[in-house]
N, C-alpha and C. Protein backbone atom coordinates (compact mmCIF):
# COMPACT_ATOMS: atom_id res chain seq x y z
N MET A 1 -27.47 -6.36 -11.25
CA MET A 1 -26.64 -6.81 -10.15
C MET A 1 -25.40 -5.92 -10.05
N ALA A 2 -25.05 -5.55 -8.85
CA ALA A 2 -23.89 -4.69 -8.62
C ALA A 2 -22.59 -5.48 -8.78
N ASN A 3 -21.54 -4.79 -9.17
CA ASN A 3 -20.22 -5.40 -9.33
C ASN A 3 -19.22 -4.65 -8.45
N LEU A 4 -18.20 -5.37 -8.02
CA LEU A 4 -17.15 -4.76 -7.22
C LEU A 4 -15.82 -5.40 -7.59
N ASN A 5 -14.85 -4.58 -7.90
CA ASN A 5 -13.51 -5.05 -8.22
C ASN A 5 -12.54 -4.18 -7.44
N ARG A 6 -12.23 -4.57 -6.21
CA ARG A 6 -11.39 -3.78 -5.31
C ARG A 6 -10.37 -4.70 -4.65
N VAL A 7 -9.13 -4.27 -4.65
CA VAL A 7 -8.05 -5.03 -4.04
C VAL A 7 -7.33 -4.12 -3.05
N LEU A 8 -7.08 -4.61 -1.84
CA LEU A 8 -6.29 -3.91 -0.82
C LEU A 8 -5.13 -4.81 -0.44
N LEU A 9 -3.92 -4.31 -0.58
CA LEU A 9 -2.73 -5.11 -0.33
C LEU A 9 -1.72 -4.33 0.49
N ILE A 10 -1.04 -5.03 1.39
CA ILE A 10 0.12 -4.49 2.08
C ILE A 10 1.23 -5.50 1.90
N GLY A 11 2.34 -5.05 1.35
CA GLY A 11 3.45 -5.96 1.11
C GLY A 11 4.73 -5.19 0.86
N ASN A 12 5.75 -5.92 0.43
CA ASN A 12 7.06 -5.33 0.15
C ASN A 12 7.37 -5.45 -1.34
N LEU A 13 8.00 -4.40 -1.88
CA LEU A 13 8.37 -4.43 -3.29
C LEU A 13 9.39 -5.54 -3.54
N THR A 14 9.18 -6.31 -4.61
CA THR A 14 10.08 -7.42 -4.92
C THR A 14 11.23 -6.98 -5.83
N ARG A 15 11.08 -5.83 -6.43
CA ARG A 15 12.13 -5.30 -7.31
C ARG A 15 11.97 -3.78 -7.37
N ASP A 16 12.99 -3.11 -7.85
CA ASP A 16 12.91 -1.67 -8.02
C ASP A 16 11.84 -1.35 -9.07
N PRO A 17 11.05 -0.32 -8.84
CA PRO A 17 10.02 0.04 -9.81
C PRO A 17 10.64 0.43 -11.16
N GLU A 18 9.94 0.09 -12.24
CA GLU A 18 10.40 0.41 -13.59
C GLU A 18 9.44 1.43 -14.19
N LEU A 19 9.94 2.63 -14.47
CA LEU A 19 9.11 3.71 -15.00
C LEU A 19 9.36 3.84 -16.50
N ARG A 20 8.26 3.84 -17.26
CA ARG A 20 8.33 4.05 -18.71
C ARG A 20 7.32 5.12 -19.09
N VAL A 21 7.46 5.65 -20.29
CA VAL A 21 6.53 6.64 -20.80
C VAL A 21 5.97 6.12 -22.12
N THR A 22 4.65 6.16 -22.26
CA THR A 22 4.01 5.69 -23.49
C THR A 22 4.26 6.70 -24.61
N PRO A 23 4.04 6.30 -25.86
CA PRO A 23 4.21 7.25 -26.96
C PRO A 23 3.33 8.49 -26.84
N LYS A 24 2.20 8.39 -26.16
CA LYS A 24 1.32 9.54 -25.96
C LYS A 24 1.74 10.39 -24.76
N GLY A 25 2.79 10.00 -24.04
CA GLY A 25 3.32 10.80 -22.94
C GLY A 25 2.83 10.40 -21.56
N SER A 26 2.06 9.33 -21.41
CA SER A 26 1.60 8.87 -20.10
C SER A 26 2.69 8.06 -19.41
N SER A 27 2.88 8.31 -18.12
CA SER A 27 3.86 7.55 -17.34
C SER A 27 3.20 6.27 -16.83
N ILE A 28 3.97 5.18 -16.84
CA ILE A 28 3.51 3.92 -16.28
C ILE A 28 4.65 3.31 -15.49
N CYS A 29 4.37 2.95 -14.26
CA CYS A 29 5.36 2.35 -13.37
C CYS A 29 4.92 0.93 -13.08
N GLN A 30 5.81 -0.03 -13.30
CA GLN A 30 5.51 -1.42 -13.02
C GLN A 30 6.46 -1.93 -11.94
N PHE A 31 5.88 -2.68 -11.00
CA PHE A 31 6.68 -3.26 -9.92
C PHE A 31 5.96 -4.49 -9.39
N GLY A 32 6.67 -5.26 -8.60
CA GLY A 32 6.09 -6.44 -7.97
C GLY A 32 5.94 -6.22 -6.48
N LEU A 33 4.93 -6.88 -5.91
CA LEU A 33 4.66 -6.78 -4.48
C LEU A 33 4.58 -8.20 -3.92
N ALA A 34 5.26 -8.45 -2.81
CA ALA A 34 5.19 -9.74 -2.12
C ALA A 34 4.34 -9.56 -0.88
N VAL A 35 3.28 -10.37 -0.77
CA VAL A 35 2.36 -10.31 0.36
C VAL A 35 2.46 -11.63 1.11
N ASN A 36 2.76 -11.57 2.40
CA ASN A 36 2.94 -12.77 3.22
C ASN A 36 1.67 -13.08 4.01
N ARG A 37 1.43 -14.37 4.19
CA ARG A 37 0.30 -14.85 4.98
C ARG A 37 0.82 -15.93 5.91
N THR A 38 0.55 -15.78 7.21
CA THR A 38 0.97 -16.79 8.19
C THR A 38 -0.28 -17.53 8.67
N PHE A 39 -0.18 -18.85 8.75
CA PHE A 39 -1.33 -19.66 9.17
C PHE A 39 -0.82 -20.97 9.77
N LYS A 40 -1.73 -21.70 10.41
CA LYS A 40 -1.42 -23.02 10.95
C LYS A 40 -1.99 -24.07 10.02
N ASP A 41 -1.17 -25.06 9.70
CA ASP A 41 -1.65 -26.13 8.82
C ASP A 41 -2.45 -27.16 9.63
N GLY A 42 -2.86 -28.24 9.00
CA GLY A 42 -3.68 -29.26 9.64
C GLY A 42 -2.99 -29.91 10.83
N ALA A 43 -1.67 -29.96 10.83
CA ALA A 43 -0.92 -30.56 11.93
C ALA A 43 -0.62 -29.55 13.04
N GLY A 44 -1.10 -28.33 12.90
CA GLY A 44 -0.86 -27.31 13.93
C GLY A 44 0.46 -26.59 13.80
N GLN A 45 1.19 -26.84 12.72
CA GLN A 45 2.48 -26.18 12.50
C GLN A 45 2.28 -24.80 11.88
N GLN A 46 3.06 -23.83 12.32
CA GLN A 46 3.01 -22.48 11.78
C GLN A 46 3.62 -22.50 10.39
N ARG A 47 2.88 -21.99 9.39
CA ARG A 47 3.37 -21.97 8.01
C ARG A 47 3.27 -20.55 7.47
N GLU A 48 4.08 -20.26 6.48
CA GLU A 48 4.02 -18.95 5.84
C GLU A 48 3.90 -19.15 4.33
N GLU A 49 3.03 -18.36 3.72
CA GLU A 49 2.80 -18.44 2.29
C GLU A 49 3.02 -17.04 1.72
N THR A 50 3.76 -16.94 0.63
CA THR A 50 4.01 -15.65 -0.01
C THR A 50 3.36 -15.63 -1.37
N THR A 51 2.65 -14.55 -1.66
CA THR A 51 2.03 -14.36 -2.96
C THR A 51 2.71 -13.18 -3.64
N PHE A 52 3.10 -13.38 -4.89
CA PHE A 52 3.78 -12.34 -5.67
C PHE A 52 2.78 -11.75 -6.66
N ILE A 53 2.65 -10.43 -6.64
CA ILE A 53 1.63 -9.75 -7.44
C ILE A 53 2.29 -8.67 -8.28
N ASP A 54 1.95 -8.64 -9.57
CA ASP A 54 2.42 -7.57 -10.45
C ASP A 54 1.47 -6.39 -10.35
N ILE A 55 2.05 -5.19 -10.20
CA ILE A 55 1.27 -3.96 -10.04
C ILE A 55 1.70 -2.97 -11.10
N GLU A 56 0.75 -2.20 -11.61
CA GLU A 56 1.12 -1.08 -12.49
C GLU A 56 0.40 0.17 -12.02
N ALA A 57 1.15 1.26 -12.00
CA ALA A 57 0.64 2.56 -11.54
C ALA A 57 0.82 3.56 -12.68
N TRP A 58 -0.23 4.29 -12.99
CA TRP A 58 -0.21 5.24 -14.09
C TRP A 58 -0.10 6.67 -13.60
N GLY A 59 0.47 7.53 -14.43
CA GLY A 59 0.49 8.96 -14.18
C GLY A 59 1.40 9.37 -13.03
N ARG A 60 0.96 10.39 -12.31
CA ARG A 60 1.76 10.98 -11.23
C ARG A 60 2.05 9.97 -10.13
N GLN A 61 1.07 9.12 -9.81
CA GLN A 61 1.30 8.13 -8.75
C GLN A 61 2.45 7.20 -9.12
N GLY A 62 2.51 6.78 -10.38
CA GLY A 62 3.61 5.94 -10.83
C GLY A 62 4.96 6.63 -10.74
N GLU A 63 4.97 7.92 -11.07
CA GLU A 63 6.21 8.69 -10.98
C GLU A 63 6.69 8.79 -9.54
N VAL A 64 5.78 9.02 -8.60
CA VAL A 64 6.14 9.15 -7.19
C VAL A 64 6.66 7.82 -6.66
N ILE A 65 6.00 6.72 -6.99
CA ILE A 65 6.46 5.40 -6.53
C ILE A 65 7.84 5.11 -7.09
N SER A 66 8.05 5.42 -8.36
CA SER A 66 9.35 5.19 -8.98
C SER A 66 10.45 6.00 -8.30
N LYS A 67 10.12 7.22 -7.91
CA LYS A 67 11.12 8.12 -7.31
C LYS A 67 11.47 7.73 -5.88
N TYR A 68 10.48 7.33 -5.06
CA TYR A 68 10.71 7.16 -3.64
C TYR A 68 10.75 5.70 -3.15
N CYS A 69 10.45 4.75 -4.00
CA CYS A 69 10.42 3.35 -3.56
C CYS A 69 11.52 2.55 -4.22
N SER A 70 11.95 1.52 -3.52
CA SER A 70 12.94 0.60 -4.06
C SER A 70 12.65 -0.79 -3.51
N LYS A 71 13.37 -1.76 -3.99
CA LYS A 71 13.17 -3.15 -3.58
C LYS A 71 13.19 -3.27 -2.05
N GLY A 72 12.20 -4.00 -1.51
CA GLY A 72 12.12 -4.23 -0.07
C GLY A 72 11.24 -3.24 0.66
N ARG A 73 10.89 -2.12 0.06
CA ARG A 73 10.10 -1.07 0.70
C ARG A 73 8.66 -1.53 0.92
N PRO A 74 8.13 -1.38 2.14
CA PRO A 74 6.72 -1.73 2.37
C PRO A 74 5.80 -0.66 1.77
N LEU A 75 4.65 -1.12 1.24
CA LEU A 75 3.73 -0.22 0.58
C LEU A 75 2.30 -0.75 0.73
N PHE A 76 1.36 0.17 0.94
CA PHE A 76 -0.06 -0.16 0.93
C PHE A 76 -0.61 0.22 -0.44
N VAL A 77 -1.30 -0.71 -1.08
CA VAL A 77 -1.81 -0.49 -2.43
C VAL A 77 -3.30 -0.77 -2.47
N GLU A 78 -4.04 0.14 -3.10
CA GLU A 78 -5.45 -0.06 -3.40
C GLU A 78 -5.56 -0.07 -4.91
N GLY A 79 -6.37 -0.97 -5.44
CA GLY A 79 -6.50 -1.00 -6.88
C GLY A 79 -7.60 -1.94 -7.33
N ARG A 80 -7.50 -2.34 -8.60
CA ARG A 80 -8.48 -3.25 -9.18
C ARG A 80 -7.75 -4.34 -9.95
N LEU A 81 -8.39 -5.50 -10.02
CA LEU A 81 -7.81 -6.61 -10.76
C LEU A 81 -8.03 -6.42 -12.25
N ARG A 82 -7.02 -6.82 -13.04
CA ARG A 82 -7.15 -6.80 -14.50
C ARG A 82 -6.63 -8.12 -15.04
N PHE A 83 -7.38 -8.72 -15.94
CA PHE A 83 -7.01 -9.98 -16.55
C PHE A 83 -6.55 -9.71 -17.97
N ASP A 84 -5.31 -10.10 -18.28
CA ASP A 84 -4.76 -9.94 -19.63
C ASP A 84 -4.59 -11.33 -20.24
N SER A 85 -4.93 -11.47 -21.51
CA SER A 85 -4.67 -12.74 -22.21
C SER A 85 -4.09 -12.41 -23.58
N TRP A 86 -3.18 -13.26 -24.04
CA TRP A 86 -2.51 -13.07 -25.31
C TRP A 86 -2.03 -14.41 -25.82
N GLU A 87 -1.58 -14.40 -27.07
CA GLU A 87 -1.03 -15.62 -27.68
C GLU A 87 0.48 -15.48 -27.74
N ASP A 88 1.19 -16.47 -27.21
CA ASP A 88 2.65 -16.47 -27.20
C ASP A 88 3.15 -16.54 -28.65
N LYS A 89 4.01 -15.59 -29.04
CA LYS A 89 4.51 -15.53 -30.41
C LYS A 89 5.39 -16.74 -30.76
N ASN A 90 6.14 -17.25 -29.76
CA ASN A 90 7.07 -18.35 -30.02
C ASN A 90 6.36 -19.69 -30.10
N THR A 91 5.47 -19.97 -29.16
CA THR A 91 4.84 -21.30 -29.09
C THR A 91 3.42 -21.31 -29.64
N GLY A 92 2.80 -20.16 -29.81
CA GLY A 92 1.43 -20.10 -30.28
C GLY A 92 0.39 -20.45 -29.22
N GLN A 93 0.85 -20.69 -27.98
CA GLN A 93 -0.07 -21.03 -26.90
C GLN A 93 -0.74 -19.78 -26.34
N LYS A 94 -1.95 -19.98 -25.84
CA LYS A 94 -2.63 -18.86 -25.17
C LYS A 94 -2.02 -18.69 -23.79
N ARG A 95 -1.77 -17.46 -23.43
CA ARG A 95 -1.21 -17.12 -22.12
C ARG A 95 -2.15 -16.13 -21.45
N SER A 96 -2.08 -16.07 -20.11
CA SER A 96 -2.90 -15.12 -19.37
C SER A 96 -2.20 -14.72 -18.08
N LYS A 97 -2.64 -13.59 -17.56
CA LYS A 97 -2.01 -13.07 -16.35
C LYS A 97 -3.01 -12.18 -15.63
N LEU A 98 -3.05 -12.29 -14.31
CA LEU A 98 -3.89 -11.46 -13.47
C LEU A 98 -2.97 -10.46 -12.77
N SER A 99 -3.27 -9.17 -12.87
CA SER A 99 -2.44 -8.15 -12.23
C SER A 99 -3.35 -7.11 -11.57
N VAL A 100 -2.73 -6.18 -10.85
CA VAL A 100 -3.46 -5.13 -10.15
C VAL A 100 -3.10 -3.79 -10.78
N VAL A 101 -4.13 -3.00 -11.10
CA VAL A 101 -3.93 -1.62 -11.56
C VAL A 101 -4.13 -0.72 -10.35
N LEU A 102 -3.07 -0.03 -9.95
CA LEU A 102 -3.09 0.82 -8.76
C LEU A 102 -4.02 2.01 -8.96
N GLU A 103 -4.86 2.24 -7.96
CA GLU A 103 -5.72 3.42 -7.96
C GLU A 103 -5.36 4.38 -6.83
N ASN A 104 -4.73 3.85 -5.78
CA ASN A 104 -4.36 4.65 -4.63
C ASN A 104 -3.24 3.91 -3.91
N PHE A 105 -2.40 4.63 -3.18
CA PHE A 105 -1.35 3.97 -2.41
C PHE A 105 -1.00 4.82 -1.21
N GLN A 106 -0.27 4.22 -0.30
CA GLN A 106 0.23 4.96 0.87
C GLN A 106 1.55 4.35 1.29
N PHE A 107 2.53 5.22 1.58
CA PHE A 107 3.81 4.74 2.07
C PHE A 107 3.61 4.19 3.48
N ILE A 108 4.37 3.16 3.81
CA ILE A 108 4.33 2.57 5.15
C ILE A 108 5.73 2.68 5.73
N GLY A 109 5.84 2.99 7.02
CA GLY A 109 7.15 3.12 7.64
C GLY A 109 7.62 4.56 7.55
N GLY A 110 8.69 4.85 8.27
CA GLY A 110 9.21 6.21 8.30
C GLY A 110 10.37 6.40 7.37
N ARG A 111 10.96 7.58 7.45
CA ARG A 111 12.10 7.88 6.58
C ARG A 111 13.31 6.99 6.87
N GLY A 112 13.47 6.57 8.11
CA GLY A 112 14.62 5.75 8.47
C GLY A 112 14.27 4.28 8.53
N ASP A 113 13.20 3.87 7.89
CA ASP A 113 12.74 2.48 7.93
C ASP A 113 13.84 1.55 7.41
N GLU A 114 14.25 0.60 8.21
CA GLU A 114 15.34 -0.30 7.86
C GLU A 114 15.03 -1.12 6.62
N GLN A 115 13.79 -1.59 6.49
CA GLN A 115 13.44 -2.41 5.34
C GLN A 115 13.19 -1.58 4.11
N GLY A 116 12.98 -0.29 4.27
CA GLY A 116 12.44 0.52 3.20
C GLY A 116 13.41 1.06 2.18
N GLY A 117 14.65 0.69 2.16
CA GLY A 117 15.54 1.19 1.14
C GLY A 117 15.68 2.70 1.19
N SER A 118 14.91 3.38 0.37
CA SER A 118 15.06 4.83 0.26
C SER A 118 14.29 5.60 1.32
N GLY A 119 13.52 4.94 2.15
CA GLY A 119 12.80 5.62 3.22
C GLY A 119 11.54 6.28 2.74
N GLY A 120 11.00 7.18 3.55
CA GLY A 120 9.73 7.82 3.25
C GLY A 120 9.88 8.93 2.23
N ALA A 121 8.78 9.57 1.92
CA ALA A 121 8.79 10.61 0.92
C ALA A 121 8.05 11.83 1.43
N PRO A 122 8.36 12.97 0.88
CA PRO A 122 7.57 14.13 1.24
C PRO A 122 6.13 13.95 0.77
N ALA A 123 5.25 14.80 1.21
CA ALA A 123 3.83 14.62 0.94
C ALA A 123 3.45 15.06 -0.46
N GLU A 124 4.30 14.80 -1.46
CA GLU A 124 3.94 15.14 -2.82
C GLU A 124 3.49 13.90 -3.56
N GLY A 125 3.27 12.79 -2.90
CA GLY A 125 2.95 11.52 -3.52
C GLY A 125 1.58 11.48 -4.17
N GLY A 126 1.27 12.38 -5.06
CA GLY A 126 -0.03 12.39 -5.68
C GLY A 126 -1.08 12.70 -4.63
N SER A 127 -2.27 12.25 -4.86
CA SER A 127 -3.33 12.55 -3.91
C SER A 127 -3.36 11.55 -2.77
N SER A 128 -2.79 10.36 -2.98
CA SER A 128 -3.00 9.31 -2.00
C SER A 128 -2.34 9.53 -0.64
N PRO A 129 -1.03 9.80 -0.53
CA PRO A 129 -0.48 9.94 0.80
C PRO A 129 -1.09 11.11 1.56
N GLU A 130 -1.36 12.22 0.86
CA GLU A 130 -1.93 13.36 1.55
C GLU A 130 -3.36 13.08 2.00
N ARG A 131 -4.14 12.48 1.11
CA ARG A 131 -5.55 12.27 1.39
C ARG A 131 -5.76 11.25 2.49
N ASN A 132 -4.90 10.23 2.58
CA ASN A 132 -5.11 9.16 3.55
C ASN A 132 -4.28 9.30 4.81
N SER A 133 -3.46 10.33 4.90
CA SER A 133 -2.64 10.50 6.09
C SER A 133 -3.50 10.99 7.24
N PRO A 134 -3.21 10.55 8.45
CA PRO A 134 -3.96 11.07 9.59
C PRO A 134 -3.62 12.53 9.81
N PRO A 135 -4.52 13.28 10.42
CA PRO A 135 -4.21 14.69 10.69
C PRO A 135 -3.03 14.80 11.65
N PRO A 136 -2.32 15.92 11.62
CA PRO A 136 -1.18 16.07 12.54
C PRO A 136 -1.66 15.99 13.99
N ARG A 137 -0.80 15.43 14.83
CA ARG A 137 -1.14 15.28 16.25
C ARG A 137 -1.16 16.63 16.93
N GLN A 138 -2.17 16.83 17.71
CA GLN A 138 -2.30 18.05 18.49
C GLN A 138 -1.64 17.83 19.84
N PRO A 139 -1.08 18.88 20.45
CA PRO A 139 -0.49 18.70 21.77
C PRO A 139 -1.58 18.28 22.77
N ASN A 140 -1.15 17.54 23.77
CA ASN A 140 -2.10 17.08 24.80
C ASN A 140 -2.71 18.28 25.51
N PRO A 141 -4.04 18.21 25.75
CA PRO A 141 -4.67 19.33 26.46
C PRO A 141 -4.15 19.43 27.88
N ALA A 142 -4.31 20.62 28.46
CA ALA A 142 -3.85 20.83 29.84
C ALA A 142 -4.64 19.93 30.77
N PRO A 143 -4.02 19.40 31.81
CA PRO A 143 -4.74 18.51 32.72
C PRO A 143 -5.86 19.27 33.43
N ALA A 144 -6.93 18.53 33.73
CA ALA A 144 -8.08 19.13 34.41
C ALA A 144 -7.67 19.53 35.82
N PRO A 145 -8.27 20.58 36.38
CA PRO A 145 -7.92 20.97 37.74
C PRO A 145 -8.27 19.86 38.72
N ALA A 146 -7.52 19.79 39.80
CA ALA A 146 -7.73 18.73 40.79
C ALA A 146 -9.14 18.83 41.39
N ALA A 147 -9.79 17.71 41.53
CA ALA A 147 -11.16 17.69 42.07
C ALA A 147 -11.12 17.82 43.59
N GLU A 148 -12.17 18.39 44.12
CA GLU A 148 -12.25 18.52 45.58
C GLU A 148 -12.63 17.18 46.19
N ASP A 149 -12.25 16.99 47.45
CA ASP A 149 -12.51 15.72 48.12
C ASP A 149 -13.98 15.53 48.49
N ASN A 150 -14.78 16.59 48.62
CA ASN A 150 -16.17 16.45 49.07
C ASN A 150 -17.14 16.46 47.88
N LEU A 151 -16.86 15.79 46.81
CA LEU A 151 -17.78 15.75 45.69
C LEU A 151 -19.05 14.98 46.03
N ASP A 152 -18.98 14.02 46.95
CA ASP A 152 -20.14 13.21 47.28
C ASP A 152 -21.26 14.06 47.88
N GLU A 153 -20.94 15.16 48.50
CA GLU A 153 -21.96 16.00 49.11
C GLU A 153 -22.81 16.73 48.06
N ASP A 154 -22.24 16.95 46.85
CA ASP A 154 -22.95 17.68 45.82
C ASP A 154 -23.83 16.79 44.94
N VAL A 155 -23.69 15.49 45.05
CA VAL A 155 -24.47 14.57 44.22
C VAL A 155 -25.90 14.52 44.71
N PRO A 156 -26.92 14.74 43.83
CA PRO A 156 -28.30 14.84 44.30
C PRO A 156 -28.95 13.50 44.65
N PHE A 157 -28.35 12.40 44.57
CA PHE A 157 -29.02 11.13 44.92
C PHE A 157 -28.23 10.34 45.91
């Protein structure tokens, strides 16, 4: 049986990203993402629900997010779910947490984005912003020459 573990999220950073380096030299960036959902409840009232998700980004992508993102910045994240469980040292209780390991991301908004804190970034954001960005816009082609008024005479039917 096939398996799939894929998460796609668009939300705003809940805190400034925290960049650390492991003893082996790998960069890891941890941050939170708030994702909003608007819906109507049973009484027909508009409601909003916010989900807070912990994200971790490894390597160059984590470094880029740490450099160009800050609290409030909108971000598109692709990744996979990871379930961590451990025993609390103080109480001895089992604890668990579901988080997302970032595999790809894309900045949302422009450099002057009001919500975005530090704004956009140059296209050095690892492979993700470059790979997923749309191609540059081409100038509009020249308008077609004006059609003649007697086109109906040339139609064979």
